[in-house]
Amino acid sequence: MQNLKNIFVGFLVSFIGSIPLGYLNVVGFQVYEKSGLTPTALYLLGVIIIEFFVIYFTLIFAKRLAENKKLTKYIEGFSIVFMFVLAYVFYSSANSKSDFSTTYNYAPFLLGIVLSCLNFIQIPFWTGWNLWLLNGKYIEISGCRKYVFVLGTIVGTFCGMLTLILALHYFASNVEFLAQYLMRIIIPLVFVGFGIWQGFKFWKKYC
């Protein structure tokens, strides 16, 4: 029963956590639009391979990572800059009639690995969640049970990201406004908004 609970909790947390619009989902949407379902699945596989190691190590070292305020500050500061860089990249690529995945269209699996490695914000995200789940005794990680939990999380991430990618495709295909402005204006503005919001939180926390 505990193994099933670990899988369910891991799946639920990662499924919900992967649905908000992020650059990994946006690139996945571009891969799907350009190449179809199989390359998208390979891209997502690359993403979750890196996430497996991130979740595992943040689970094992959650308390130490949470106490390392300096590392957390650097990661949060980097994520602010990264949001504005992403806004520019998506805006410029959309208006030059190319896409972010063009360079790697021959290797979506590699693209997923590279971009997931750059997703540093997942370190404090999973550190916080793992601490909360452990302190609340929602999961139990003795022996092989930690691997069961991590398996549930990566399956949840895969399903959550794929759900959002297919939803974006559906709305972009059926809503003319989204088809015209999603990649050119809406996505860049979303990342600018994320950058401003994270910058505000960073200022309140550290200044």
Foldseek 3Di string as FASTA:
>chain_A
DQLVLLLVVLLVVLLVVQQPDDPLLVVLLVLCVVPNDPLSLLLLVLQLVVVLVLLLVLLVCLVVVVPPVVVVLVLLVVLLVVLLVVLVQLQVCVVVVHGPCVVPSVPSNVVSNVVNVVPSVVNVVSSVVSVVCVVVVSHDPPDCSSVSNSVSNSVSNSVNSVVNSVVLVVCLVPPVVCVVPVRNPVSSVVSNVVSVVSVVVSVVVPD
